[in-house]
Amino acid sequence: MQRPKQATDLFAFVAVLATVIVLLLIGVPPESLAIVVIAMGGLYGGWHGTGQRQGREGKR
């Protein structure tokens, strides 16, 4: 599986950063923001295809 271009990574980073800024401005507690950022990172990692599967393919 080919790795998406760097522009996709940059867009994902900016989207998460913008989301955190908006949530801070509307008064969401920082503890909740940590949960949101971890969830967004997990979703991006799943979509991006990183994780255990690539490690197993390399051992074959």
N, C-alpha and C. Protein backbone atom coordinates (compact mmCIF):
# COMPACT_ATOMS: atom_id res chain seq x y z
N MET A 1 0.85 -1.17 0.00
CA MET A 1 0.00 0.00 0.00
C MET A 1 0.89 1.24 0.00
N GLN A 2 0.66 2.15 -0.91
CA GLN A 2 1.47 3.35 -0.98
C GLN A 2 1.05 4.36 0.07
N ARG A 3 2.04 5.08 0.55
CA ARG A 3 1.78 6.13 1.54
C ARG A 3 1.22 7.36 0.83
N PRO A 4 0.11 7.95 1.41
CA PRO A 4 -0.43 9.16 0.80
C PRO A 4 0.60 10.29 0.82
N LYS A 5 0.40 11.26 -0.02
CA LYS A 5 1.33 12.38 -0.12
C LYS A 5 1.37 13.19 1.17
N GLN A 6 2.43 13.95 1.33
CA GLN A 6 2.62 14.76 2.52
C GLN A 6 1.50 15.79 2.70
N ALA A 7 0.86 16.20 1.62
CA ALA A 7 -0.22 17.18 1.72
C ALA A 7 -1.38 16.63 2.56
N THR A 8 -1.63 15.35 2.46
CA THR A 8 -2.70 14.74 3.26
C THR A 8 -2.36 14.80 4.74
N ASP A 9 -1.10 14.53 5.07
CA ASP A 9 -0.67 14.60 6.47
C ASP A 9 -0.80 16.02 7.01
N LEU A 10 -0.40 16.99 6.20
CA LEU A 10 -0.49 18.38 6.61
C LEU A 10 -1.95 18.79 6.81
N PHE A 11 -2.82 18.38 5.89
CA PHE A 11 -4.24 18.71 6.01
C PHE A 11 -4.83 18.11 7.28
N ALA A 12 -4.49 16.87 7.59
CA ALA A 12 -5.00 16.22 8.80
C ALA A 12 -4.52 16.95 10.05
N PHE A 13 -3.25 17.34 10.07
CA PHE A 13 -2.70 18.07 11.22
C PHE A 13 -3.42 19.40 11.41
N VAL A 14 -3.61 20.15 10.33
CA VAL A 14 -4.28 21.45 10.40
C VAL A 14 -5.74 21.27 10.83
N ALA A 15 -6.40 20.23 10.35
CA ALA A 15 -7.79 19.99 10.72
C ALA A 15 -7.92 19.70 12.22
N VAL A 16 -7.03 18.88 12.76
CA VAL A 16 -7.07 18.59 14.19
C VAL A 16 -6.74 19.83 15.00
N LEU A 17 -5.75 20.59 14.57
CA LEU A 17 -5.39 21.82 15.27
C LEU A 17 -6.54 22.82 15.26
N ALA A 18 -7.19 22.99 14.13
CA ALA A 18 -8.33 23.92 14.04
C ALA A 18 -9.49 23.46 14.92
N THR A 19 -9.71 22.15 14.96
CA THR A 19 -10.79 21.61 15.80
C THR A 19 -10.52 21.90 17.27
N VAL A 20 -9.28 21.69 17.70
CA VAL A 20 -8.93 21.96 19.10
C VAL A 20 -9.09 23.45 19.42
N ILE A 21 -8.66 24.32 18.52
CA ILE A 21 -8.79 25.75 18.76
C ILE A 21 -10.26 26.16 18.88
N VAL A 22 -11.09 25.65 17.99
CA VAL A 22 -12.53 25.98 18.04
C VAL A 22 -13.15 25.46 19.33
N LEU A 23 -12.80 24.24 19.72
CA LEU A 23 -13.36 23.69 20.95
C LEU A 23 -12.90 24.47 22.17
N LEU A 24 -11.65 24.93 22.18
CA LEU A 24 -11.17 25.76 23.29
C LEU A 24 -11.92 27.08 23.35
N LEU A 25 -12.17 27.67 22.19
CA LEU A 25 -12.86 28.96 22.16
C LEU A 25 -14.31 28.87 22.63
N ILE A 26 -14.95 27.72 22.44
CA ILE A 26 -16.34 27.60 22.91
C ILE A 26 -16.42 27.09 24.34
N GLY A 27 -15.26 26.84 24.96
CA GLY A 27 -15.25 26.54 26.39
C GLY A 27 -15.23 25.07 26.77
N VAL A 28 -14.79 24.21 25.92
CA VAL A 28 -14.69 22.79 26.25
C VAL A 28 -13.50 22.59 27.18
N PRO A 29 -13.66 21.80 28.26
CA PRO A 29 -12.55 21.58 29.20
C PRO A 29 -11.37 20.85 28.53
N PRO A 30 -10.14 21.17 28.93
CA PRO A 30 -8.96 20.53 28.33
C PRO A 30 -8.94 19.01 28.44
N GLU A 31 -9.53 18.46 29.50
CA GLU A 31 -9.57 17.00 29.65
C GLU A 31 -10.35 16.36 28.51
N SER A 32 -11.41 17.00 28.10
CA SER A 32 -12.21 16.49 27.00
C SER A 32 -11.47 16.63 25.67
N LEU A 33 -10.67 17.66 25.55
CA LEU A 33 -9.91 17.86 24.31
C LEU A 33 -8.90 16.74 24.11
N ALA A 34 -8.30 16.28 25.18
CA ALA A 34 -7.34 15.18 25.06
C ALA A 34 -8.02 13.95 24.48
N ILE A 35 -9.23 13.66 24.92
CA ILE A 35 -9.97 12.51 24.41
C ILE A 35 -10.29 12.70 22.93
N VAL A 36 -10.69 13.90 22.55
CA VAL A 36 -11.03 14.18 21.16
C VAL A 36 -9.80 14.03 20.26
N VAL A 37 -8.66 14.56 20.69
CA VAL A 37 -7.44 14.49 19.89
C VAL A 37 -6.98 13.04 19.73
N ILE A 38 -7.04 12.26 20.80
CA ILE A 38 -6.65 10.85 20.72
C ILE A 38 -7.58 10.10 19.77
N ALA A 39 -8.88 10.37 19.85
CA ALA A 39 -9.83 9.71 18.95
C ALA A 39 -9.58 10.10 17.49
N MET A 40 -9.32 11.38 17.23
CA MET A 40 -9.05 11.82 15.86
C MET A 40 -7.75 11.20 15.34
N GLY A 41 -6.76 11.11 16.19
CA GLY A 41 -5.50 10.47 15.80
C GLY A 41 -5.69 9.00 15.48
N GLY A 42 -6.51 8.33 16.27
CA GLY A 42 -6.80 6.92 16.00
C GLY A 42 -7.56 6.72 14.70
N LEU A 43 -8.52 7.58 14.45
CA LEU A 43 -9.25 7.49 13.19
C LEU A 43 -8.35 7.75 11.99
N TYR A 44 -7.47 8.73 12.12
CA TYR A 44 -6.55 9.02 11.02
C TYR A 44 -5.57 7.87 10.82
N GLY A 45 -5.10 7.30 11.92
CA GLY A 45 -4.21 6.14 11.81
C GLY A 45 -4.89 4.96 11.15
N GLY A 46 -6.15 4.73 11.48
CA GLY A 46 -6.90 3.65 10.85
C GLY A 46 -7.13 3.91 9.37
N TRP A 47 -7.44 5.11 9.02
CA TRP A 47 -7.65 5.46 7.61
C TRP A 47 -6.34 5.43 6.85
N HIS A 48 -5.27 5.84 7.52
CA HIS A 48 -3.95 5.92 6.91
C HIS A 48 -3.35 4.53 6.71
N GLY A 49 -3.81 3.56 7.47
CA GLY A 49 -3.33 2.19 7.32
C GLY A 49 -2.12 1.85 8.15
N THR A 50 -1.85 2.62 9.20
CA THR A 50 -0.72 2.30 10.07
C THR A 50 -1.17 1.35 11.15
N GLY A 51 -0.24 0.58 11.67
CA GLY A 51 -0.58 -0.31 12.77
C GLY A 51 0.03 -1.68 12.63
N GLN A 52 -0.57 -2.67 13.27
CA GLN A 52 -0.05 -4.02 13.36
C GLN A 52 0.04 -4.72 12.02
N ARG A 53 -0.90 -4.47 11.14
CA ARG A 53 -0.96 -5.20 9.88
C ARG A 53 0.33 -5.04 9.07
N GLN A 54 0.88 -3.85 9.00
CA GLN A 54 2.10 -3.64 8.22
C GLN A 54 3.27 -4.39 8.83
N GLY A 55 3.32 -4.50 10.14
CA GLY A 55 4.39 -5.24 10.79
C GLY A 55 4.35 -6.71 10.45
N ARG A 56 3.19 -7.29 10.36
CA ARG A 56 3.04 -8.71 10.02
C ARG A 56 3.42 -9.00 8.57
N GLU A 57 3.06 -8.09 7.67
CA GLU A 57 3.37 -8.29 6.26
C GLU A 57 4.86 -8.31 6.01
N GLY A 58 5.61 -7.53 6.79
CA GLY A 58 7.05 -7.46 6.60
C GLY A 58 7.76 -8.75 7.02
N LYS A 59 7.15 -9.56 7.89
CA LYS A 59 7.77 -10.79 8.40
C LYS A 59 7.60 -11.96 7.46
N ARG A 60 6.73 -11.86 6.48
CA ARG A 60 6.46 -12.99 5.58
C ARG A 60 7.60 -13.27 4.67
